[in-house]
Amino acid sequence: MENKRCKTNERQDRLNNLHELKKLGVNPYPAKTKKRLKIIEILDNFKSLKKDKKQLNAVGRLRSIRGHGNLSFAHLDDGSAQIQLAFSKKEIGTESYKNFTKLINIGDFIEITAECFITHKGENSLMVKKWDIIAKAIRPLPEKWHGLKDEEEKLRKRYLDIIFNPDIKEMIRKKAIFWNSIREFLINNNFQEVETPTLEITAGGADARPFVTHHNALDMDVYLRISMGELWQKKLMVAGFEKTFEIGRQFRNEGMDAEHLQDYTQMEFYWAYADYQDGMKLVEELYKYVAKKTFNTLKFKIGEFNVDLSKKWELYDYSETVKKMTGIDIFNADIKKIEKRLKELNVEYDKKGFNITRAIDNLWKYCRKQIAGPGFLVGVPVDVSPLAKRDDNNPNITQRFQPLIAGSELGNGYSELNDPLDQAERFKEQQALRDAGDDEAQMYDNDFVEALEYGMPPTCGFGLSERVFAFFMNKTVRECQIFPLMKPKNNFKNGK
């Protein structure tokens, strides 16, 4: 049996079994299986199925095998549940029983025809009448009670981690509900789903370093998008659409940490004839709707914070909060003063392309980590909001809002800038920062400025990424991706 066939090279042992099956005329990888019941359906209807004494078909992966002379037991797992199987030499014949005990391994996928019965220990089981191999596993699964321990290995071989860790499978299920509930909420609020280009001539819509690739057919360099079609969706506002949204992948060639990755899913919506205050109301409703749909609760433990989305969402003014927590008045402090304060607060920051905008941003990041929320950041300076409309009463700040939850900004929105002259001037300022070495500053987009000159109505825009899901799961973003990007191992060559 399986536990008696341990060899130095079990992969070779399994390959030998594969070749033996082929010699017997067996196809170890057939294309089709019989119509069957899910194991969970069998278990839920076990009494009636046993009473009817009807033969049924099931498929799945063998998770254990143990032998007792002329009778062997195994556990079959089809992803819905596990059930015990009994293989009797008397029931399936001497040759079939011999092939099962000698040539089948834990991890193999099999198809069975069986009848329900209860063992003398009272376990609901299936007595196998016929079996067939449907996929031979030539690598052994990790040991049942140990599985994968190394965190990097778990992410690299996520398919194995899923087999042994039902919590990962549940996370994947919840993530699908998360994005579907966002889509459902927006469609119910009359938003039109759209698709915009992934490859762009000018990477716009965010402060981020883009990935560059070459378009062979047009013989030019292009960028992978760094926003979910922000500038494209605003052009749709120019075109007369009132409510649009997009959910898709975007790419930022930046550092990796618990909250940031380079390749991830983002949602952005744009809403004509609405401003940032309308946006805050809708976003609060959205977050509550999605949390309830996905997690069936509005209360979360996220890191050191206890967050209750049902509580009143507070407003946190950017400059007032920074002044209260650091003593710095951002509108009357130069870069040297802010840099000195950052050092006093032991804040680490990237010195490449460092400027007053980045200095203020790092000061704010220090403050936000102490805010549990839920609430919205408002009063954000123009210098760090190149696409947001200026506040009517204070031209130094913008009509921007960001959900603050568990010490982080979990989304970004604003009354969109629709003044083409103001937009052109801010693009020039951003391009100057970029030319001075700030790789995250925005590029000048002449096509977008031209589109604005045809007129865009007052518009509110908002975006959130899969980081929101990760926070609600109380995990890192990387852990919440099904297959995060991994550096290849040197020994991953020639299939070994």
Protein backbone atom coordinates (compact mmCIF):
# COMPACT_ATOMS: atom_id res chain seq x y z
CA MET A 1 0.00 0.00 0.00
CA GLU A 2 0.91 3.70 -0.16
CA ASN A 3 2.64 3.77 3.22
CA LYS A 4 4.67 0.64 2.34
CA ARG A 5 5.92 1.91 -1.00
CA CYS A 6 8.14 4.72 0.27
CA LYS A 7 11.26 4.99 -1.87
CA THR A 8 14.10 7.46 -2.23
CA ASN A 9 12.63 8.71 -5.49
CA GLU A 10 8.86 8.46 -5.18
CA ARG A 11 8.40 10.42 -8.38
CA GLN A 12 10.19 7.65 -10.27
CA ASP A 13 8.06 5.08 -8.46
CA ARG A 14 4.93 6.85 -9.65
CA LEU A 15 6.30 7.12 -13.19
CA ASN A 16 6.83 3.36 -13.14
CA ASN A 17 3.21 2.92 -12.05
CA LEU A 18 2.15 5.18 -14.90
CA HIS A 19 4.03 3.06 -17.43
CA GLU A 20 2.53 -0.13 -15.99
CA LEU A 21 -0.98 1.28 -16.37
CA LYS A 22 -0.25 2.11 -20.01
CA LYS A 23 1.05 -1.46 -20.57
CA LEU A 24 -2.33 -2.70 -19.32
CA GLY A 25 -4.02 -0.61 -21.99
CA VAL A 26 -5.23 1.99 -19.51
CA ASN A 27 -5.33 5.68 -20.51
CA PRO A 28 -4.16 7.50 -17.32
CA TYR A 29 -5.47 10.83 -18.62
CA PRO A 30 -8.89 10.35 -20.28
CA ALA A 31 -10.73 13.42 -21.59
CA LYS A 32 -14.15 12.67 -20.15
CA THR A 33 -15.81 11.27 -17.03
CA LYS A 34 -19.27 9.87 -16.41
CA LYS A 35 -22.16 11.94 -15.13
CA ARG A 36 -21.70 11.96 -11.37
CA LEU A 37 -22.87 13.30 -8.05
CA LYS A 38 -20.82 15.70 -5.97
CA ILE A 39 -19.62 14.14 -2.72
CA ILE A 40 -21.46 16.77 -0.70
CA GLU A 41 -24.68 15.71 -2.47
CA ILE A 42 -24.00 12.07 -1.62
CA LEU A 43 -23.44 12.89 2.05
CA ASP A 44 -26.50 15.15 2.24
CA ASN A 45 -28.73 12.43 0.73
CA PHE A 46 -26.92 9.40 2.13
CA LYS A 47 -29.89 7.71 3.83
CA SER A 48 -32.13 7.81 0.76
CA LEU A 49 -29.31 6.74 -1.57
CA LYS A 50 -28.48 3.81 0.72
CA LYS A 51 -32.13 2.81 0.94
CA ASP A 52 -32.55 2.82 -2.86
CA LYS A 53 -29.37 0.71 -3.26
CA LYS A 54 -28.69 2.50 -6.52
CA GLN A 55 -25.19 2.59 -7.92
CA LEU A 56 -23.78 6.09 -8.29
CA ASN A 57 -20.74 7.68 -9.86
CA ALA A 58 -18.26 9.99 -8.15
CA VAL A 59 -14.85 11.48 -8.99
CA GLY A 60 -12.08 13.12 -7.04
CA ARG A 61 -8.55 13.02 -5.67
CA LEU A 62 -7.43 10.23 -3.32
CA ARG A 63 -6.35 11.82 -0.05
CA SER A 64 -5.46 8.59 1.80
CA ILE A 65 -5.08 4.87 1.15
CA ARG A 66 -4.74 2.09 3.72
CA GLY A 67 -4.93 -1.66 3.22
CA HIS A 68 -6.17 -4.63 5.24
CA GLY A 69 -5.44 -7.75 3.15
CA ASN A 70 -8.35 -8.24 0.79
CA LEU A 71 -9.98 -4.95 1.81
CA SER A 72 -8.62 -1.44 1.38
CA PHE A 73 -9.96 1.93 2.44
CA ALA A 74 -9.36 5.37 0.94
CA HIS A 75 -10.72 8.89 1.14
CA LEU A 76 -11.96 10.63 -1.98
CA ASP A 77 -12.06 14.45 -2.19
CA ASP A 78 -13.79 16.30 -5.04
CA GLY A 79 -13.47 19.79 -3.59
CA SER A 80 -17.00 19.81 -2.17
CA ALA A 81 -16.28 17.24 0.59
CA GLN A 82 -14.51 13.95 1.40
CA ILE A 83 -15.97 10.48 1.71
CA GLN A 84 -14.53 7.09 2.67
CA LEU A 85 -14.23 4.45 -0.04
CA ALA A 86 -13.97 0.68 0.45
CA PHE A 87 -12.23 -1.49 -2.14
CA SER A 88 -12.96 -5.20 -1.73
CA LYS A 89 -11.25 -7.90 -3.79
CA LYS A 90 -14.58 -9.75 -3.74
CA GLU A 91 -16.49 -6.76 -5.15
CA ILE A 92 -14.10 -5.52 -7.86
CA GLY A 93 -12.21 -8.73 -8.70
CA THR A 94 -8.68 -9.94 -8.05
CA GLU A 95 -7.01 -8.17 -11.01
CA SER A 96 -8.69 -4.81 -10.43
CA TYR A 97 -7.91 -4.95 -6.72
CA LYS A 98 -4.27 -5.82 -7.43
CA ASN A 99 -3.93 -2.89 -9.86
CA PHE A 100 -5.44 -0.50 -7.35
CA THR A 101 -3.17 -1.55 -4.48
CA LYS A 102 -0.01 -1.66 -6.61
CA LEU A 103 -0.40 1.13 -9.16
CA ILE A 104 -2.58 3.82 -7.56
CA ASN A 105 -1.12 6.49 -5.26
CA ILE A 106 -2.36 9.15 -2.90
CA GLY A 107 -3.02 12.24 -5.01
CA ASP A 108 -4.32 10.33 -8.06
CA PHE A 109 -7.71 11.28 -9.45
CA ILE A 110 -10.10 8.37 -9.92
CA GLU A 111 -13.66 7.79 -11.04
CA ILE A 112 -15.79 5.24 -9.19
CA THR A 113 -19.09 3.45 -9.48
CA ALA A 114 -20.26 2.56 -5.97
CA GLU A 115 -23.07 1.91 -3.50
CA CYS A 116 -23.67 3.60 -0.14
CA PHE A 117 -23.01 1.57 3.00
CA ILE A 118 -22.17 2.18 6.66
CA THR A 119 -19.07 0.61 8.22
CA HIS A 120 -19.17 -1.25 11.53
CA LYS A 121 -17.72 1.92 13.07
CA GLY A 122 -20.74 3.87 11.82
CA GLU A 123 -19.03 5.87 9.05
CA ASN A 124 -20.99 6.72 5.92
CA SER A 125 -18.95 5.19 3.09
CA LEU A 126 -19.06 3.99 -0.50
CA MET A 127 -18.42 0.36 -1.53
CA VAL A 128 -16.63 0.58 -4.86
CA LYS A 129 -17.98 -1.65 -7.64
CA LYS A 130 -15.72 -0.29 -10.38
CA TRP A 131 -12.92 2.25 -10.56
CA ASP A 132 -10.89 3.99 -13.28
CA ILE A 133 -7.89 6.28 -13.19
CA ILE A 134 -8.67 9.72 -14.68
CA ALA A 135 -5.44 11.62 -13.83
CA LYS A 136 -2.21 10.09 -12.55
CA ALA A 137 -0.21 12.27 -10.11
CA ILE A 138 3.51 11.71 -10.62
CA ARG A 139 4.55 13.92 -7.71
CA PRO A 140 3.52 13.09 -4.13
CA LEU A 141 1.46 15.57 -2.16
CA PRO A 142 3.07 17.05 0.97
CA GLU A 143 2.52 14.96 4.10
CA LYS A 144 -1.02 15.28 5.39
CA TRP A 145 -0.12 16.54 8.85
CA HIS A 146 2.70 18.83 7.78
CA GLY A 147 1.81 20.30 4.39
CA LEU A 148 3.79 23.34 3.25
CA LYS A 149 5.43 25.31 6.06
CA ASP A 150 7.63 27.81 4.22
CA GLU A 151 5.59 30.94 3.46
CA GLU A 152 7.33 31.60 0.13
CA GLU A 153 6.78 27.98 -0.91
CA LYS A 154 3.09 28.28 -0.02
CA LEU A 155 2.72 31.21 -2.41
CA ARG A 156 4.87 29.60 -5.11
CA LYS A 157 2.87 26.35 -4.97
CA ARG A 158 -0.48 27.87 -4.12
CA TYR A 159 -2.34 24.93 -5.66
CA LEU A 160 -0.87 22.66 -2.96
CA ASP A 161 -1.58 25.12 -0.18
CA ILE A 162 -5.21 25.23 -1.33
CA ILE A 163 -5.47 21.44 -1.14
CA PHE A 164 -4.41 21.40 2.51
CA ASN A 165 -5.78 24.75 3.62
CA PRO A 166 -9.55 25.21 3.15
CA ASP A 167 -9.22 28.79 4.41
CA ILE A 168 -7.40 29.72 1.19
CA LYS A 169 -10.18 28.26 -0.93
CA GLU A 170 -12.70 30.19 1.17
CA MET A 171 -10.68 33.40 0.67
CA ILE A 172 -10.78 32.89 -3.10
CA ARG A 173 -14.55 32.41 -2.91
CA LYS A 174 -14.96 35.57 -0.85
CA LYS A 175 -12.79 37.58 -3.23
CA ALA A 176 -15.10 36.66 -6.10
CA ILE A 177 -18.09 37.79 -4.02
CA PHE A 178 -16.24 41.03 -3.17
CA TRP A 179 -15.79 42.09 -6.80
CA ASN A 180 -19.20 40.82 -7.90
CA SER A 181 -20.89 42.76 -5.08
CA ILE A 182 -19.10 45.96 -6.18
CA ARG A 183 -20.30 45.37 -9.73
CA GLU A 184 -23.80 44.58 -8.47
CA PHE A 185 -23.95 47.73 -6.33
CA LEU A 186 -22.83 50.02 -9.15
CA ILE A 187 -25.12 48.46 -11.76
CA ASN A 188 -28.03 48.77 -9.31
CA ASN A 189 -27.13 52.47 -9.09
CA ASN A 190 -27.31 52.79 -12.89
CA PHE A 191 -23.58 52.81 -13.64
CA GLN A 192 -22.50 51.51 -17.06
CA GLU A 193 -19.58 49.05 -17.08
CA VAL A 194 -16.91 49.89 -19.69
CA GLU A 195 -13.52 48.64 -20.87
CA THR A 196 -10.66 51.03 -21.61
CA PRO A 197 -7.12 50.43 -22.99
CA THR A 198 -4.48 48.60 -20.99
CA LEU A 199 -1.68 49.86 -23.26
CA GLU A 200 -1.28 53.64 -23.31
CA ILE A 201 0.91 56.16 -25.09
CA THR A 202 0.86 58.32 -21.95
CA ALA A 203 0.51 56.66 -18.53
CA GLY A 204 -1.97 58.84 -16.71
CA GLY A 205 -4.50 59.00 -13.92
CA ALA A 206 -2.18 58.39 -10.97
CA ASP A 207 1.16 59.21 -9.35
CA ALA A 208 3.05 56.00 -10.14
CA ARG A 209 6.00 54.59 -12.07
CA PRO A 210 4.71 52.67 -15.12
CA PHE A 211 5.93 49.52 -16.82
CA VAL A 212 7.25 50.15 -20.33
CA THR A 213 6.93 47.71 -23.21
CA HIS A 214 7.35 47.86 -27.01
CA HIS A 215 4.52 47.70 -29.52
CA ASN A 216 6.05 45.89 -32.50
CA ALA A 217 3.27 46.56 -35.01
CA LEU A 218 3.42 50.33 -34.46
CA ASP A 219 7.15 50.29 -33.59
CA MET A 220 6.81 52.45 -30.48
CA ASP A 221 7.13 52.18 -26.73
CA VAL A 222 3.90 52.08 -24.73
CA TYR A 223 2.99 51.92 -21.04
CA LEU A 224 0.89 49.46 -19.09
CA ARG A 225 -1.89 51.47 -17.47
CA ILE A 226 -1.42 52.75 -13.92
CA SER A 227 -5.09 53.63 -13.37
CA MET A 228 -8.37 52.00 -14.26
CA GLY A 229 -8.91 54.14 -17.32
CA GLU A 230 -9.27 57.41 -15.41
CA LEU A 231 -8.54 59.72 -18.31
CA TRP A 232 -10.45 57.48 -20.73
CA GLN A 233 -13.53 57.38 -18.52
CA LYS A 234 -13.42 61.17 -18.20
CA LYS A 235 -13.42 61.35 -22.00
CA LEU A 236 -16.63 59.30 -21.81
CA MET A 237 -18.03 62.03 -19.55
CA VAL A 238 -17.12 64.50 -22.32
CA ALA A 239 -18.91 62.16 -24.74
CA GLY A 240 -22.12 62.32 -22.75
CA PHE A 241 -22.06 59.23 -20.51
CA GLU A 242 -23.32 60.03 -17.03
CA LYS A 243 -22.18 57.04 -14.93
CA THR A 244 -19.40 54.61 -15.88
CA PHE A 245 -17.15 52.14 -14.07
CA GLU A 246 -14.43 49.62 -14.87
CA ILE A 247 -12.98 46.67 -12.95
CA GLY A 248 -9.70 45.27 -14.24
CA ARG A 249 -5.96 44.80 -13.82
CA GLN A 250 -3.51 47.68 -13.57
CA PHE A 251 0.25 47.80 -13.21
CA ARG A 252 2.67 49.95 -11.22
CA ASN A 253 6.42 49.37 -11.37
CA GLU A 254 7.06 50.19 -7.72
CA GLY A 255 8.11 48.59 -4.45
CA MET A 256 6.42 45.63 -2.80
CA ASP A 257 5.12 45.66 0.75
CA ALA A 258 2.13 44.46 2.77
CA GLU A 259 -0.17 46.96 1.04
CA HIS A 260 1.30 47.31 -2.47
CA LEU A 261 1.92 45.07 -5.47
CA GLN A 262 2.74 45.77 -9.12
CA ASP A 263 -0.09 43.79 -10.74
CA TYR A 264 -3.51 43.98 -9.13
CA THR A 265 -7.24 44.54 -9.63
CA GLN A 266 -8.75 48.01 -9.38
CA MET A 267 -12.22 49.55 -9.74
CA GLU A 268 -12.90 53.13 -10.73
CA PHE A 269 -16.22 54.88 -11.29
CA TYR A 270 -17.05 58.31 -12.74
CA TRP A 271 -20.31 60.12 -12.06
CA ALA A 272 -21.30 63.23 -14.00
CA TYR A 273 -23.21 66.07 -12.32
CA ALA A 274 -21.95 64.93 -8.90
CA ASP A 275 -19.24 66.25 -6.57
CA TYR A 276 -17.01 64.78 -3.86
CA GLN A 277 -19.71 65.09 -1.19
CA ASP A 278 -22.07 63.00 -3.33
CA GLY A 279 -19.18 60.60 -3.80
CA MET A 280 -18.57 60.20 -0.07
CA LYS A 281 -22.22 59.28 0.53
CA LEU A 282 -22.18 56.69 -2.27
CA VAL A 283 -18.82 55.22 -1.24
CA GLU A 284 -19.90 54.78 2.38
CA GLU A 285 -22.97 52.90 1.12
CA LEU A 286 -20.76 50.86 -1.24
CA TYR A 287 -18.32 49.77 1.47
CA LYS A 288 -21.11 48.73 3.83
CA TYR A 289 -22.91 46.86 1.04
CA VAL A 290 -19.78 45.00 -0.07
CA ALA A 291 -18.67 44.16 3.51
CA LYS A 292 -22.09 42.75 4.36
CA LYS A 293 -22.32 40.75 1.12
CA THR A 294 -18.77 39.38 1.32
CA PHE A 295 -18.21 38.89 5.05
CA ASN A 296 -21.72 39.10 6.50
CA THR A 297 -20.54 41.69 9.04
CA LEU A 298 -19.63 45.36 9.39
CA LYS A 299 -17.18 44.76 12.25
CA PHE A 300 -13.55 43.86 11.54
CA LYS A 301 -10.30 43.26 13.38
CA ILE A 302 -7.62 44.75 11.13
CA GLY A 303 -4.11 44.68 12.55
CA GLU A 304 -4.27 46.51 15.88
CA PHE A 305 -7.52 48.25 15.01
CA ASN A 306 -11.12 47.30 15.72
CA VAL A 307 -13.20 48.80 12.92
CA ASP A 308 -16.99 49.11 12.87
CA LEU A 309 -18.28 50.34 9.49
CA SER A 310 -21.74 50.93 10.98
CA LYS A 311 -20.39 53.78 13.15
CA LYS A 312 -20.49 57.41 12.03
CA TRP A 313 -17.84 58.05 9.37
CA GLU A 314 -15.75 60.96 10.60
CA LEU A 315 -14.08 63.67 8.46
CA TYR A 316 -10.31 64.10 8.92
CA ASP A 317 -8.89 67.35 7.55
CA TYR A 318 -5.43 66.81 6.01
CA SER A 319 -3.58 69.90 7.27
CA GLU A 320 -5.34 70.01 10.65
CA THR A 321 -4.53 66.36 11.31
CA VAL A 322 -0.87 66.78 10.32
CA LYS A 323 -0.52 69.89 12.49
CA LYS A 324 -2.20 68.18 15.44
CA MET A 325 0.01 65.06 15.25
CA THR A 326 3.34 66.55 14.13
CA GLY A 327 3.21 70.27 14.88
CA ILE A 328 3.92 71.13 11.22
CA ASP A 329 1.82 73.64 9.28
CA ILE A 330 2.20 72.22 5.77
CA PHE A 331 1.21 75.50 4.11
CA ASN A 332 3.93 77.48 5.90
CA ALA A 333 6.80 74.99 6.15
CA ASP A 334 9.67 74.53 3.72
CA ILE A 335 11.16 71.20 2.69
CA LYS A 336 14.07 71.46 5.17
CA LYS A 337 11.76 71.92 8.13
CA ILE A 338 9.57 68.98 7.07
CA GLU A 339 12.60 66.77 6.41
CA LYS A 340 13.96 67.60 9.87
CA ARG A 341 10.62 66.63 11.42
CA LEU A 342 10.51 63.39 9.44
CA LYS A 343 13.89 62.43 10.88
CA GLU A 344 12.72 63.30 14.40
CA LEU A 345 9.69 61.04 13.87
CA ASN A 346 11.95 58.23 12.51
CA VAL A 347 10.04 58.17 9.22
CA GLU A 348 11.92 56.37 6.44
CA TYR A 349 11.36 57.66 2.91
CA ASP A 350 12.73 57.35 -0.61
CA LYS A 351 15.25 60.15 -1.20
CA LYS A 352 15.22 59.70 -4.98
CA GLY A 353 13.24 62.54 -6.56
CA PHE A 354 12.44 63.88 -3.07
CA ASN A 355 10.62 67.22 -3.17
CA ILE A 356 8.13 69.28 -1.16
CA THR A 357 5.21 67.21 -2.48
CA ARG A 358 6.81 63.93 -1.39
CA ALA A 359 7.84 65.52 1.94
CA ILE A 360 4.26 66.50 2.78
CA ASP A 361 2.98 63.11 1.64
CA ASN A 362 5.40 61.26 3.95
CA LEU A 363 4.38 63.45 6.86
CA TRP A 364 0.74 62.59 6.24
CA LYS A 365 1.51 58.86 5.99
CA TYR A 366 3.00 59.01 9.47
CA CYS A 367 -0.27 60.48 10.77
CA ARG A 368 -2.72 58.22 8.97
CA LYS A 369 -1.19 55.09 10.52
CA GLN A 370 -2.65 56.19 13.85
CA ILE A 371 -6.25 56.60 12.61
CA ALA A 372 -8.65 53.68 13.00
CA GLY A 373 -11.63 55.15 11.16
CA PRO A 374 -13.98 54.63 9.51
CA GLY A 375 -13.96 58.08 7.99
CA PHE A 376 -12.83 60.22 5.08
CA LEU A 377 -9.67 62.25 4.56
CA VAL A 378 -10.59 65.70 3.17
CA GLY A 379 -8.85 69.03 2.61
CA VAL A 380 -5.99 67.48 0.63
CA PRO A 381 -3.49 70.07 -0.78
CA VAL A 382 -3.43 70.82 -4.50
CA ASP A 383 0.26 69.83 -4.67
CA VAL A 384 -0.57 66.18 -4.02
CA SER A 385 -3.81 66.14 -6.06
CA PRO A 386 -3.01 67.06 -9.69
CA LEU A 387 -6.34 65.82 -11.09
CA ALA A 388 -8.74 67.10 -8.39
CA LYS A 389 -10.83 70.27 -8.52
CA ARG A 390 -9.78 73.11 -6.21
CA ASP A 391 -11.99 73.86 -3.25
CA ASP A 392 -14.32 76.82 -3.88
CA ASN A 393 -13.40 78.49 -0.57
CA ASN A 394 -9.70 77.60 -0.34
CA PRO A 395 -7.64 77.36 -3.57
CA ASN A 396 -4.78 75.63 -1.69
CA ILE A 397 -6.81 72.45 -1.17
CA THR A 398 -8.91 70.18 -3.36
CA GLN A 399 -12.31 68.55 -3.25
CA ARG A 400 -10.73 65.16 -2.66
CA PHE A 401 -11.82 62.34 -0.34
CA GLN A 402 -10.22 59.07 0.72
CA PRO A 403 -11.76 56.40 2.97
CA LEU A 404 -9.60 56.04 6.10
CA ILE A 405 -9.79 52.60 7.66
CA ALA A 406 -7.28 50.90 9.98
CA GLY A 407 -4.48 53.40 9.41
CA SER A 408 -4.62 53.43 5.63
CA GLU A 409 -6.37 55.12 2.72
CA LEU A 410 -8.60 52.46 1.22
CA GLY A 411 -9.67 54.29 -1.91
CA ASN A 412 -9.36 57.66 -3.58
CA GLY A 413 -11.92 60.06 -5.04
CA TYR A 414 -12.54 63.69 -5.87
CA SER A 415 -14.51 66.27 -7.71
CA GLU A 416 -12.71 65.92 -11.01
CA LEU A 417 -10.81 68.82 -12.47
CA ASN A 418 -12.67 69.90 -15.62
CA ASP A 419 -11.02 73.28 -16.22
CA PRO A 420 -8.70 72.59 -19.20
CA LEU A 421 -6.44 75.58 -18.48
CA ASP A 422 -5.98 74.61 -14.81
CA GLN A 423 -5.41 70.99 -15.86
CA ALA A 424 -2.76 71.98 -18.41
CA GLU A 425 -0.93 74.06 -15.82
CA ARG A 426 -0.91 71.22 -13.28
CA PHE A 427 0.31 68.78 -15.91
CA LYS A 428 3.20 71.19 -16.61
CA GLU A 429 4.05 71.27 -12.90
CA GLN A 430 3.93 67.47 -12.73
CA GLN A 431 6.08 67.10 -15.84
CA ALA A 432 8.66 69.47 -14.30
CA LEU A 433 8.82 67.24 -11.21
CA ARG A 434 9.17 64.21 -13.47
CA ASP A 435 11.99 65.86 -15.43
CA ALA A 436 13.70 66.60 -12.10
CA GLY A 437 13.76 62.88 -11.23
CA ASP A 438 10.36 62.13 -9.68
CA ASP A 439 9.40 58.92 -11.53
CA GLU A 440 5.95 58.91 -9.92
CA ALA A 441 4.94 62.40 -11.09
CA GLN A 442 2.35 62.45 -13.85
CA MET A 443 3.10 62.90 -17.55
CA TYR A 444 1.70 65.75 -19.60
CA ASP A 445 -1.27 64.38 -21.59
CA ASN A 446 -2.10 66.76 -24.42
CA ASP A 447 -4.93 64.57 -25.78
CA PHE A 448 -6.72 64.69 -22.44
CA VAL A 449 -6.37 68.45 -22.14
CA GLU A 450 -7.80 68.79 -25.65
CA ALA A 451 -10.76 66.58 -24.71
CA LEU A 452 -11.46 68.81 -21.69
CA GLU A 453 -11.51 71.84 -23.99
CA TYR A 454 -14.65 70.39 -25.59
CA GLY A 455 -16.27 70.52 -22.14
CA MET A 456 -16.70 67.96 -19.36
CA PRO A 457 -19.59 68.36 -16.90
CA PRO A 458 -18.96 68.47 -13.14
CA THR A 459 -17.89 64.92 -12.30
CA CYS A 460 -17.02 62.83 -9.25
CA GLY A 461 -14.54 59.99 -9.65
CA PHE A 462 -13.52 57.26 -7.22
CA GLY A 463 -11.30 54.20 -7.21
CA LEU A 464 -10.45 51.30 -4.93
CA SER A 465 -8.13 48.33 -5.29
CA GLU A 466 -8.01 44.77 -3.98
CA ARG A 467 -6.16 46.22 -0.97
CA VAL A 468 -9.62 46.90 0.48
CA PHE A 469 -10.37 43.18 0.37
CA ALA A 470 -6.99 42.35 1.91
CA PHE A 471 -7.62 44.74 4.79
CA PHE A 472 -11.03 43.25 5.53
CA MET A 473 -9.39 39.79 5.44
CA ASN A 474 -6.67 41.12 7.80
CA LYS A 475 -4.01 39.78 5.44
CA THR A 476 -1.36 41.26 3.17
CA VAL A 477 -2.31 42.02 -0.43
CA ARG A 478 0.17 39.38 -1.58
CA GLU A 479 -1.47 36.68 0.53
CA CYS A 480 -4.84 37.59 -0.98
CA GLN A 481 -3.74 37.15 -4.58
CA ILE A 482 -4.38 33.63 -5.81
CA PHE A 483 -1.07 33.46 -7.69
CA PRO A 484 1.20 36.40 -6.73
CA LEU A 485 4.24 37.07 -8.89
CA MET A 486 7.23 35.10 -7.58
CA LYS A 487 10.91 35.10 -8.45
CA PRO A 488 11.70 31.78 -10.21
CA LYS A 489 13.79 29.20 -8.40
CA ASN A 490 17.10 28.27 -10.03
CA ASN A 491 16.24 24.57 -9.85
CA PHE A 492 12.99 25.01 -11.83
CA LYS A 493 14.53 23.63 -15.00
CA ASN A 494 13.69 20.72 -17.28
CA GLY A 495 10.59 19.91 -15.24
CA LYS A 496 12.62 19.03 -12.11
